[in-house]
Amino acid sequence: MAKKVVSLLLASHPGPTVVVTVIAVGLGIGLGYPPGRLVLLALAILFGQLSIGWSNDWLDAARDRAVERTDKPAARGDVSVTTVRAAAFIALAVGLVLTLPLGIAALVVHAIAIASGWAYNLGLKSTAYSWVPFAVAFGLLPAIATLGQEQPAWPQWWVYAAGALLGVAAHVTNVLPDLEDDARTGIRGLPHRLGARPSGLLAFSALALATLLITFGPGLPVRPVLLVGLVIGLAAAITGVVLLLRRSPTRLLMQLIMTCAIVDVVMLALAGQSVTV
């Protein structure tokens, strides 16, 4: 029983699930959430992400078996596809129910973000618009936090833009290691059409633009800590571009992309109430 529970958790894409949840928690802390409300926000985002991760493994089980993905529990048979599918729908319902106490606006925005993730899994991943669900979901993530406050507020426009750019970078980061396997099973999203090197350049460019927006967004006071983040983020992005132009994409490039993304998220959290209208 314990083994199946572990397998089910591994089928949820725990890495991205935890990262997005931590991002939401960081935003909540920056906005001054009280502890109880912060826990509610964290659980709501967590279950929403679990539903997206499980729906991905459920829908991709046959494709993962075809390319012998040994890291996929459903493809290996460690947990049944039926169980993963049921978990996806249960997590979806729980995530939305937990969002309701944060307010109707937060609920609607969270529902749209989750729907974007499901739309990707259901077929958009195979089109030139594969980046759209990530841009929408990441662009709306800060709005879930700002609208979930006791005094709801909409984010400023540049917050949506920065989040969307981070989403595009996350999409590319997620796809690059699997380009060959995806090609074997007919997946041709935007990174597959562009190729590894152009996709890497797209990711670093998106992260650099997001970093600039978070540093110099209208209404943001000039803060030394944000300038430090700008220097770190741009240095990582420039290093990544130089390496990308000199050699084939490697795991080091993905680590640099994640470094840029983490810096951007920390900067956004540190901006606090300055991100709201």
C-alpha atoms as a PDB file:
ATOM      1  CA  MET A   1       0.000   0.000   0.000  1.00  0.00           C
ATOM      2  CA  ALA A   2       2.767   2.417   0.989  1.00  0.00           C
ATOM      3  CA  LYS A   3       4.599   1.662  -2.264  1.00  0.00           C
ATOM      4  CA  LYS A   4       1.529   2.543  -4.307  1.00  0.00           C
ATOM      5  CA  VAL A   5       1.084   5.798  -2.389  1.00  0.00           C
ATOM      6  CA  VAL A   6       4.700   6.720  -3.114  1.00  0.00           C
ATOM      7  CA  SER A   7       4.243   5.802  -6.775  1.00  0.00           C
ATOM      8  CA  LEU A   8       1.108   7.926  -6.967  1.00  0.00           C
ATOM      9  CA  LEU A   9       2.947  10.897  -5.465  1.00  0.00           C
ATOM     10  CA  LEU A  10       5.812  10.431  -7.931  1.00  0.00           C
ATOM     11  CA  ALA A  11       3.262  10.450 -10.771  1.00  0.00           C
ATOM     12  CA  SER A  12       2.177  13.966  -9.761  1.00  0.00           C
ATOM     13  CA  HIS A  13       5.338  15.587 -11.154  1.00  0.00           C
ATOM     14  CA  PRO A  14       6.467  16.481  -7.613  1.00  0.00           C
ATOM     15  CA  GLY A  15       9.261  18.824  -8.720  1.00  0.00           C
ATOM     16  CA  PRO A  16       7.132  21.372 -10.620  1.00  0.00           C
ATOM     17  CA  THR A  17       4.274  20.873  -8.147  1.00  0.00           C
ATOM     18  CA  VAL A  18       6.445  21.826  -5.181  1.00  0.00           C
ATOM     19  CA  VAL A  19       8.117  24.710  -7.033  1.00  0.00           C
ATOM     20  CA  VAL A  20       4.822  26.354  -8.015  1.00  0.00           C
ATOM     21  CA  THR A  21       3.456  25.870  -4.489  1.00  0.00           C
ATOM     22  CA  VAL A  22       6.578  27.460  -2.994  1.00  0.00           C
ATOM     23  CA  ILE A  23       6.232  30.378  -5.423  1.00  0.00           C
ATOM     24  CA  ALA A  24       2.654  30.937  -4.228  1.00  0.00           C
ATOM     25  CA  VAL A  25       3.763  30.758  -0.585  1.00  0.00           C
ATOM     26  CA  GLY A  26       6.522  33.281  -1.275  1.00  0.00           C
ATOM     27  CA  LEU A  27       4.041  35.644  -2.869  1.00  0.00           C
ATOM     28  CA  GLY A  28       1.679  35.196   0.073  1.00  0.00           C
ATOM     29  CA  ILE A  29       4.435  36.009   2.561  1.00  0.00           C
ATOM     30  CA  GLY A  30       5.420  39.067   0.545  1.00  0.00           C
ATOM     31  CA  LEU A  31       1.805  40.239   0.571  1.00  0.00           C
ATOM     32  CA  GLY A  32       1.558  39.817   4.338  1.00  0.00           C
ATOM     33  CA  TYR A  33      -0.816  36.845   4.512  1.00  0.00           C
ATOM     34  CA  PRO A  34      -1.702  35.763   8.075  1.00  0.00           C
ATOM     35  CA  PRO A  35      -0.571  32.169   8.833  1.00  0.00           C
ATOM     36  CA  GLY A  36      -3.964  30.494   8.481  1.00  0.00           C
ATOM     37  CA  ARG A  37      -4.727  32.141   5.159  1.00  0.00           C
ATOM     38  CA  LEU A  38      -1.213  31.377   3.919  1.00  0.00           C
ATOM     39  CA  VAL A  39      -1.714  27.665   4.645  1.00  0.00           C
ATOM     40  CA  LEU A  40      -5.031  27.778   2.771  1.00  0.00           C
ATOM     41  CA  LEU A  41      -3.355  29.410  -0.244  1.00  0.00           C
ATOM     42  CA  ALA A  42      -0.557  26.838  -0.183  1.00  0.00           C
ATOM     43  CA  LEU A  43      -2.940  23.862  -0.021  1.00  0.00           C
ATOM     44  CA  ALA A  44      -5.189  25.264  -2.757  1.00  0.00           C
ATOM     45  CA  ILE A  45      -2.244  25.746  -5.133  1.00  0.00           C
ATOM     46  CA  LEU A  46      -0.756  22.393  -4.141  1.00  0.00           C
ATOM     47  CA  PHE A  47      -3.911  20.427  -5.005  1.00  0.00           C
ATOM     48  CA  GLY A  48      -4.397  22.394  -8.208  1.00  0.00           C
ATOM     49  CA  GLN A  49      -0.872  21.468  -9.277  1.00  0.00           C
ATOM     50  CA  LEU A  50      -1.372  17.847  -8.215  1.00  0.00           C
ATOM     51  CA  SER A  51      -4.403  17.659 -10.498  1.00  0.00           C
ATOM     52  CA  ILE A  52      -2.364  18.964 -13.444  1.00  0.00           C
ATOM     53  CA  GLY A  53       0.525  16.593 -12.755  1.00  0.00           C
ATOM     54  CA  TRP A  54      -1.681  13.546 -12.367  1.00  0.00           C
ATOM     55  CA  SER A  55      -3.717  14.378 -15.464  1.00  0.00           C
ATOM     56  CA  ASN A  56      -0.461  14.576 -17.398  1.00  0.00           C
ATOM     57  CA  ASP A  57       0.703  11.118 -16.320  1.00  0.00           C
ATOM     58  CA  TRP A  58      -2.771   9.643 -16.888  1.00  0.00           C
ATOM     59  CA  LEU A  59      -3.093  11.080 -20.405  1.00  0.00           C
ATOM     60  CA  ASP A  60       0.519  10.319 -21.374  1.00  0.00           C
ATOM     61  CA  ALA A  61       0.718   6.781 -19.958  1.00  0.00           C
ATOM     62  CA  ALA A  62       0.537   5.011 -23.331  1.00  0.00           C
ATOM     63  CA  ARG A  63       3.006   7.432 -24.908  1.00  0.00           C
ATOM     64  CA  ASP A  64       5.404   7.065 -21.984  1.00  0.00           C
ATOM     65  CA  ARG A  65       5.269   3.280 -22.287  1.00  0.00           C
ATOM     66  CA  ALA A  66       6.058   3.535 -25.998  1.00  0.00           C
ATOM     67  CA  VAL A  67       9.315   5.385 -25.306  1.00  0.00           C
ATOM     68  CA  GLU A  68      10.067   3.280 -22.197  1.00  0.00           C
ATOM     69  CA  ARG A  69      10.021   6.144 -19.702  1.00  0.00           C
ATOM     70  CA  THR A  70      11.238   4.370 -16.589  1.00  0.00           C
ATOM     71  CA  ASP A  71      10.681   7.499 -14.485  1.00  0.00           C
ATOM     72  CA  LYS A  72       6.913   7.393 -14.998  1.00  0.00           C
ATOM     73  CA  PRO A  73       5.079   5.221 -12.399  1.00  0.00           C
ATOM     74  CA  ALA A  74       1.900   4.882 -14.482  1.00  0.00           C
ATOM     75  CA  ALA A  75       3.883   3.819 -17.552  1.00  0.00           C
ATOM     76  CA  ARG A  76       5.816   1.278 -15.471  1.00  0.00           C
ATOM     77  CA  GLY A  77       2.613  -0.125 -14.003  1.00  0.00           C
ATOM     78  CA  ASP A  78       3.551   0.780 -10.423  1.00  0.00           C
ATOM     79  CA  VAL A  79       0.194   2.503 -10.111  1.00  0.00           C
ATOM     80  CA  SER A  80      -2.819   1.995 -12.371  1.00  0.00           C
ATOM     81  CA  VAL A  81      -3.865   4.620 -14.899  1.00  0.00           C
ATOM     82  CA  THR A  82      -7.367   4.431 -13.398  1.00  0.00           C
ATOM     83  CA  THR A  83      -6.011   5.413  -9.990  1.00  0.00           C
ATOM     84  CA  VAL A  84      -4.007   8.312 -11.429  1.00  0.00           C
ATOM     85  CA  ARG A  85      -7.057   9.547 -13.357  1.00  0.00           C
ATOM     86  CA  ALA A  86      -9.242   9.414 -10.242  1.00  0.00           C
ATOM     87  CA  ALA A  87      -6.574  11.243  -8.222  1.00  0.00           C
ATOM     88  CA  ALA A  88      -6.440  13.993 -10.862  1.00  0.00           C
ATOM     89  CA  PHE A  89     -10.178  14.687 -10.638  1.00  0.00           C
ATOM     90  CA  ILE A  90     -10.248  14.476  -6.836  1.00  0.00           C
ATOM     91  CA  ALA A  91      -7.306  16.890  -6.540  1.00  0.00           C
ATOM     92  CA  LEU A  92      -9.020  19.243  -8.985  1.00  0.00           C
ATOM     93  CA  ALA A  93     -12.157  19.355  -6.835  1.00  0.00           C
ATOM     94  CA  VAL A  94     -10.200  19.747  -3.586  1.00  0.00           C
ATOM     95  CA  GLY A  95      -8.054  22.532  -5.020  1.00  0.00           C
ATOM     96  CA  LEU A  96     -11.083  24.541  -6.111  1.00  0.00           C
ATOM     97  CA  VAL A  97     -12.953  23.981  -2.837  1.00  0.00           C
ATOM     98  CA  LEU A  98      -9.907  25.156  -0.863  1.00  0.00           C
ATOM     99  CA  THR A  99      -9.671  28.280  -3.031  1.00  0.00           C
ATOM    100  CA  LEU A 100     -13.280  29.307  -2.378  1.00  0.00           C
ATOM    101  CA  PRO A 101     -12.602  30.813   1.114  1.00  0.00           C
ATOM    102  CA  LEU A 102     -10.000  33.063  -0.544  1.00  0.00           C
ATOM    103  CA  GLY A 103     -12.764  34.738  -2.529  1.00  0.00           C
ATOM    104  CA  ILE A 104     -14.741  34.273  -5.740  1.00  0.00           C
ATOM    105  CA  ALA A 105     -12.253  36.259  -7.836  1.00  0.00           C
ATOM    106  CA  ALA A 106      -9.351  34.109  -6.631  1.00  0.00           C
ATOM    107  CA  LEU A 107     -11.429  30.985  -7.331  1.00  0.00           C
ATOM    108  CA  VAL A 108     -12.204  32.035 -10.915  1.00  0.00           C
ATOM    109  CA  VAL A 109      -8.592  32.928 -11.654  1.00  0.00           C
ATOM    110  CA  HIS A 110      -7.316  29.688 -10.110  1.00  0.00           C
ATOM    111  CA  ALA A 111      -9.862  27.695 -12.147  1.00  0.00           C
ATOM    112  CA  ILE A 112      -8.592  29.342 -15.349  1.00  0.00           C
ATOM    113  CA  ALA A 113      -4.983  28.585 -14.397  1.00  0.00           C
ATOM    114  CA  ILE A 114      -5.769  24.918 -13.719  1.00  0.00           C
ATOM    115  CA  ALA A 115      -7.807  24.684 -16.923  1.00  0.00           C
ATOM    116  CA  SER A 116      -4.765  25.959 -18.827  1.00  0.00           C
ATOM    117  CA  GLY A 117      -2.651  23.151 -17.407  1.00  0.00           C
ATOM    118  CA  TRP A 118      -5.257  20.563 -18.318  1.00  0.00           C
ATOM    119  CA  ALA A 119      -5.607  22.044 -21.824  1.00  0.00           C
ATOM    120  CA  TYR A 120      -1.879  21.548 -22.322  1.00  0.00           C
ATOM    121  CA  ASN A 121      -2.131  17.913 -21.260  1.00  0.00           C
ATOM    122  CA  LEU A 122      -5.213  17.313 -23.393  1.00  0.00           C
ATOM    123  CA  GLY A 123      -3.566  18.342 -26.641  1.00  0.00           C
ATOM    124  CA  LEU A 124      -2.119  21.841 -26.818  1.00  0.00           C
ATOM    125  CA  LYS A 125       1.301  20.366 -26.025  1.00  0.00           C
ATOM    126  CA  SER A 126       1.345  18.992 -29.572  1.00  0.00           C
ATOM    127  CA  THR A 127       0.760  22.338 -31.281  1.00  0.00           C
ATOM    128  CA  ALA A 128       2.678  25.535 -32.002  1.00  0.00           C
ATOM    129  CA  TYR A 129       0.643  27.077 -29.164  1.00  0.00           C
ATOM    130  CA  SER A 130       2.129  24.766 -26.532  1.00  0.00           C
ATOM    131  CA  TRP A 131       3.547  27.807 -24.730  1.00  0.00           C
ATOM    132  CA  VAL A 132       0.137  29.460 -24.221  1.00  0.00           C
ATOM    133  CA  PRO A 133      -1.077  27.369 -21.232  1.00  0.00           C
ATOM    134  CA  PHE A 134       2.177  28.036 -19.373  1.00  0.00           C
ATOM    135  CA  ALA A 135       2.037  31.759 -20.136  1.00  0.00           C
ATOM    136  CA  VAL A 136      -1.577  31.961 -18.958  1.00  0.00           C
ATOM    137  CA  ALA A 137      -1.121  29.868 -15.802  1.00  0.00           C
ATOM    138  CA  PHE A 138       2.101  31.548 -14.655  1.00  0.00           C
ATOM    139  CA  GLY A 139       0.777  34.955 -15.609  1.00  0.00           C
ATOM    140  CA  LEU A 140      -2.267  34.398 -13.405  1.00  0.00           C
ATOM    141  CA  LEU A 141      -0.448  32.825 -10.441  1.00  0.00           C
ATOM    142  CA  PRO A 142       0.343  36.178  -8.760  1.00  0.00           C
ATOM    143  CA  ALA A 143      -3.310  37.217  -9.227  1.00  0.00           C
ATOM    144  CA  ILE A 144      -4.472  34.210  -7.202  1.00  0.00           C
ATOM    145  CA  ALA A 145      -2.317  35.463  -4.335  1.00  0.00           C
ATOM    146  CA  THR A 146      -3.273  39.140  -4.609  1.00  0.00           C
ATOM    147  CA  LEU A 147      -6.994  38.378  -5.000  1.00  0.00           C
ATOM    148  CA  GLY A 148      -6.882  35.870  -2.140  1.00  0.00           C
ATOM    149  CA  GLN A 149      -5.973  38.571   0.392  1.00  0.00           C
ATOM    150  CA  GLU A 150      -8.472  39.736   2.978  1.00  0.00           C
ATOM    151  CA  GLN A 151      -8.540  42.944   0.938  1.00  0.00           C
ATOM    152  CA  PRO A 152      -8.445  41.624  -2.658  1.00  0.00           C
ATOM    153  CA  ALA A 153      -6.459  43.560  -5.243  1.00  0.00           C
ATOM    154  CA  TRP A 154      -5.538  42.985  -8.876  1.00  0.00           C
ATOM    155  CA  PRO A 155      -1.855  42.826  -9.837  1.00  0.00           C
ATOM    156  CA  GLN A 156      -0.303  45.506 -12.004  1.00  0.00           C
ATOM    157  CA  TRP A 157      -0.016  44.740 -15.727  1.00  0.00           C
ATOM    158  CA  TRP A 158       3.714  44.136 -15.604  1.00  0.00           C
ATOM    159  CA  VAL A 159       3.198  41.389 -13.026  1.00  0.00           C
ATOM    160  CA  TYR A 160       1.062  39.426 -15.509  1.00  0.00           C
ATOM    161  CA  ALA A 161       3.685  40.021 -18.198  1.00  0.00           C
ATOM    162  CA  ALA A 162       6.569  38.895 -15.976  1.00  0.00           C
ATOM    163  CA  GLY A 163       4.641  35.802 -14.899  1.00  0.00           C
ATOM    164  CA  ALA A 164       3.806  34.931 -18.503  1.00  0.00           C
ATOM    165  CA  LEU A 165       7.457  35.263 -19.511  1.00  0.00           C
ATOM    166  CA  LEU A 166       8.451  32.969 -16.643  1.00  0.00           C
ATOM    167  CA  GLY A 167       5.823  30.523 -17.865  1.00  0.00           C
ATOM    168  CA  VAL A 168       7.295  30.455 -21.371  1.00  0.00           C
ATOM    169  CA  ALA A 169      10.740  29.812 -19.892  1.00  0.00           C
ATOM    170  CA  ALA A 170       9.305  27.068 -17.668  1.00  0.00           C
ATOM    171  CA  HIS A 171       7.691  25.415 -20.683  1.00  0.00           C
ATOM    172  CA  VAL A 172      10.953  25.334 -22.595  1.00  0.00           C
ATOM    173  CA  THR A 173      12.862  24.113 -19.525  1.00  0.00           C
ATOM    174  CA  ASN A 174      10.323  21.327 -19.053  1.00  0.00           C
ATOM    175  CA  VAL A 175      10.427  20.184 -22.680  1.00  0.00           C
ATOM    176  CA  LEU A 176      14.082  20.443 -23.748  1.00  0.00           C
ATOM    177  CA  PRO A 177      15.300  17.229 -22.041  1.00  0.00           C
ATOM    178  CA  ASP A 178      12.541  15.209 -23.759  1.00  0.00           C
ATOM    179  CA  LEU A 179      12.692  16.533 -27.341  1.00  0.00           C
ATOM    180  CA  GLU A 180      13.828  13.215 -28.840  1.00  0.00           C
ATOM    181  CA  ASP A 181      11.312  11.074 -26.927  1.00  0.00           C
ATOM    182  CA  ASP A 182       8.524  13.503 -27.767  1.00  0.00           C
ATOM    183  CA  ALA A 183       9.410  13.406 -31.467  1.00  0.00           C
ATOM    184  CA  ARG A 184       9.075   9.617 -31.445  1.00  0.00           C
ATOM    185  CA  THR A 185       5.484   9.880 -30.209  1.00  0.00           C
ATOM    186  CA  GLY A 186       4.316  12.739 -32.419  1.00  0.00           C
ATOM    187  CA  ILE A 187       4.587  15.644 -29.955  1.00  0.00           C
ATOM    188  CA  ARG A 188       5.527  18.840 -31.805  1.00  0.00           C
ATOM    189  CA  GLY A 189       5.112  21.833 -29.528  1.00  0.00           C
ATOM    190  CA  LEU A 190       6.831  25.149 -30.112  1.00  0.00           C
ATOM    191  CA  PRO A 191      10.254  24.050 -28.726  1.00  0.00           C
ATOM    192  CA  HIS A 192      10.197  20.981 -30.995  1.00  0.00           C
ATOM    193  CA  ARG A 193       9.503  23.181 -34.022  1.00  0.00           C
ATOM    194  CA  LEU A 194      12.168  25.728 -33.106  1.00  0.00           C
ATOM    195  CA  GLY A 195      14.855  23.244 -32.122  1.00  0.00           C
ATOM    196  CA  ALA A 196      16.956  23.006 -28.969  1.00  0.00           C
ATOM    197  CA  ARG A 197      19.262  26.015 -29.453  1.00  0.00           C
ATOM    198  CA  PRO A 198      16.607  28.554 -30.552  1.00  0.00           C
ATOM    199  CA  SER A 199      14.346  27.335 -27.734  1.00  0.00           C
ATOM    200  CA  GLY A 200      17.109  27.862 -25.201  1.00  0.00           C
ATOM    201  CA  LEU A 201      17.650  31.399 -26.503  1.00  0.00           C
ATOM    202  CA  LEU A 202      13.909  32.017 -26.214  1.00  0.00           C
ATOM    203  CA  ALA A 203      13.928  30.835 -22.584  1.00  0.00           C
ATOM    204  CA  PHE A 204      16.857  33.032 -21.548  1.00  0.00           C
ATOM    205  CA  SER A 205      15.421  36.038 -23.384  1.00  0.00           C
ATOM    206  CA  ALA A 206      12.063  35.582 -21.648  1.00  0.00           C
ATOM    207  CA  LEU A 207      13.773  35.344 -18.260  1.00  0.00           C
ATOM    208  CA  ALA A 208      15.891  38.449 -18.902  1.00  0.00           C
ATOM    209  CA  LEU A 209      12.784  40.449 -19.859  1.00  0.00           C
ATOM    210  CA  ALA A 210      10.935  39.176 -16.779  1.00  0.00           C
ATOM    211  CA  THR A 211      13.855  40.213 -14.574  1.00  0.00           C
ATOM    212  CA  LEU A 212      13.865  43.713 -16.062  1.00  0.00           C
ATOM    213  CA  LEU A 213      10.100  44.050 -15.558  1.00  0.00           C
ATOM    214  CA  ILE A 214      10.278  42.946 -11.928  1.00  0.00           C
ATOM    215  CA  THR A 215      13.126  45.380 -11.262  1.00  0.00           C
ATOM    216  CA  PHE A 216      11.766  48.445 -13.036  1.00  0.00           C
ATOM    217  CA  GLY A 217       8.007  47.821 -13.118  1.00  0.00           C
ATOM    218  CA  PRO A 218       5.919  51.026 -12.943  1.00  0.00           C
ATOM    219  CA  GLY A 219       5.100  51.878  -9.331  1.00  0.00           C
ATOM    220  CA  LEU A 220       8.019  49.899  -7.907  1.00  0.00           C
ATOM    221  CA  PRO A 221      10.346  51.813  -5.606  1.00  0.00           C
ATOM    222  CA  VAL A 222      14.034  51.477  -6.428  1.00  0.00           C
ATOM    223  CA  ARG A 223      15.374  48.889  -3.966  1.00  0.00           C
ATOM    224  CA  PRO A 224      19.001  47.740  -3.695  1.00  0.00           C
ATOM    225  CA  VAL A 225      17.874  44.122  -3.214  1.00  0.00           C
ATOM    226  CA  LEU A 226      16.022  44.194  -6.538  1.00  0.00           C
ATOM    227  CA  LEU A 227      19.078  45.628  -8.263  1.00  0.00           C
ATOM    228  CA  VAL A 228      21.167  42.793  -6.826  1.00  0.00           C
ATOM    229  CA  GLY A 229      18.600  40.337  -8.183  1.00  0.00           C
ATOM    230  CA  LEU A 230      18.781  42.058 -11.567  1.00  0.00           C
ATOM    231  CA  VAL A 231      22.545  41.635 -11.714  1.00  0.00           C
ATOM    232  CA  ILE A 232      22.373  37.950 -10.713  1.00  0.00           C
ATOM    233  CA  GLY A 233      19.515  37.186 -13.087  1.00  0.00           C
ATOM    234  CA  LEU A 234      21.036  38.918 -16.093  1.00  0.00           C
ATOM    235  CA  ALA A 235      24.476  37.411 -15.401  1.00  0.00           C
ATOM    236  CA  ALA A 236      22.970  33.919 -15.384  1.00  0.00           C
ATOM    237  CA  ALA A 237      21.006  34.645 -18.553  1.00  0.00           C
ATOM    238  CA  ILE A 238      24.030  36.037 -20.403  1.00  0.00           C
ATOM    239  CA  THR A 239      26.173  33.089 -19.289  1.00  0.00           C
ATOM    240  CA  GLY A 240      23.502  30.723 -20.551  1.00  0.00           C
ATOM    241  CA  VAL A 241      23.294  32.412 -23.951  1.00  0.00           C
ATOM    242  CA  VAL A 242      27.091  32.315 -24.379  1.00  0.00           C
ATOM    243  CA  LEU A 243      27.199  28.605 -23.499  1.00  0.00           C
ATOM    244  CA  LEU A 244      24.231  27.895 -25.741  1.00  0.00           C
ATOM    245  CA  LEU A 245      25.917  29.503 -28.750  1.00  0.00           C
ATOM    246  CA  ARG A 246      29.166  27.632 -28.137  1.00  0.00           C
ATOM    247  CA  ARG A 247      27.876  24.134 -27.532  1.00  0.00           C
ATOM    248  CA  SER A 248      24.806  21.918 -27.650  1.00  0.00           C
ATOM    249  CA  PRO A 249      22.226  22.378 -24.861  1.00  0.00           C
ATOM    250  CA  THR A 250      23.172  20.576 -21.630  1.00  0.00           C
ATOM    251  CA  ARG A 251      21.703  20.154 -18.154  1.00  0.00           C
ATOM    252  CA  LEU A 252      23.862  23.106 -17.052  1.00  0.00           C
ATOM    253  CA  LEU A 253      21.739  25.377 -19.232  1.00  0.00           C
ATOM    254  CA  MET A 254      18.607  24.106 -17.539  1.00  0.00           C
ATOM    255  CA  GLN A 255      20.166  24.811 -14.158  1.00  0.00           C
ATOM    256  CA  LEU A 256      20.954  28.374 -15.251  1.00  0.00           C
ATOM    257  CA  ILE A 257      17.382  28.849 -16.460  1.00  0.00           C
ATOM    258  CA  MET A 258      16.065  27.630 -13.103  1.00  0.00           C
ATOM    259  CA  THR A 259      18.501  29.969 -11.295  1.00  0.00           C
ATOM    260  CA  CYS A 260      17.132  32.937 -13.244  1.00  0.00           C
ATOM    261  CA  ALA A 261      13.565  31.860 -12.525  1.00  0.00           C
ATOM    262  CA  ILE A 262      14.199  31.477  -8.780  1.00  0.00           C
ATOM    263  CA  VAL A 263      15.822  34.921  -8.616  1.00  0.00           C
ATOM    264  CA  ASP A 264      12.830  36.436 -10.421  1.00  0.00           C
ATOM    265  CA  VAL A 265      10.342  34.809  -8.078  1.00  0.00           C
ATOM    266  CA  VAL A 266      12.236  35.970  -4.973  1.00  0.00           C
ATOM    267  CA  MET A 267      12.324  39.497  -6.398  1.00  0.00           C
ATOM    268  CA  LEU A 268       8.586  39.399  -7.064  1.00  0.00           C
ATOM    269  CA  ALA A 269       7.891  38.241  -3.510  1.00  0.00           C
ATOM    270  CA  LEU A 270      10.129  40.983  -2.085  1.00  0.00           C
ATOM    271  CA  ALA A 271       8.154  43.582  -4.031  1.00  0.00           C
ATOM    272  CA  GLY A 272       5.206  42.873  -1.683  1.00  0.00           C
ATOM    273  CA  GLN A 273       2.167  45.122  -2.064  1.00  0.00           C
ATOM    274  CA  SER A 274       3.955  47.082  -4.809  1.00  0.00           C
ATOM    275  CA  VAL A 275       2.776  44.418  -7.251  1.00  0.00           C
ATOM    276  CA  THR A 276      -0.890  45.373  -6.792  1.00  0.00           C
ATOM    277  CA  VAL A 277      -2.867  48.133  -8.447  1.00  0.00           C
END
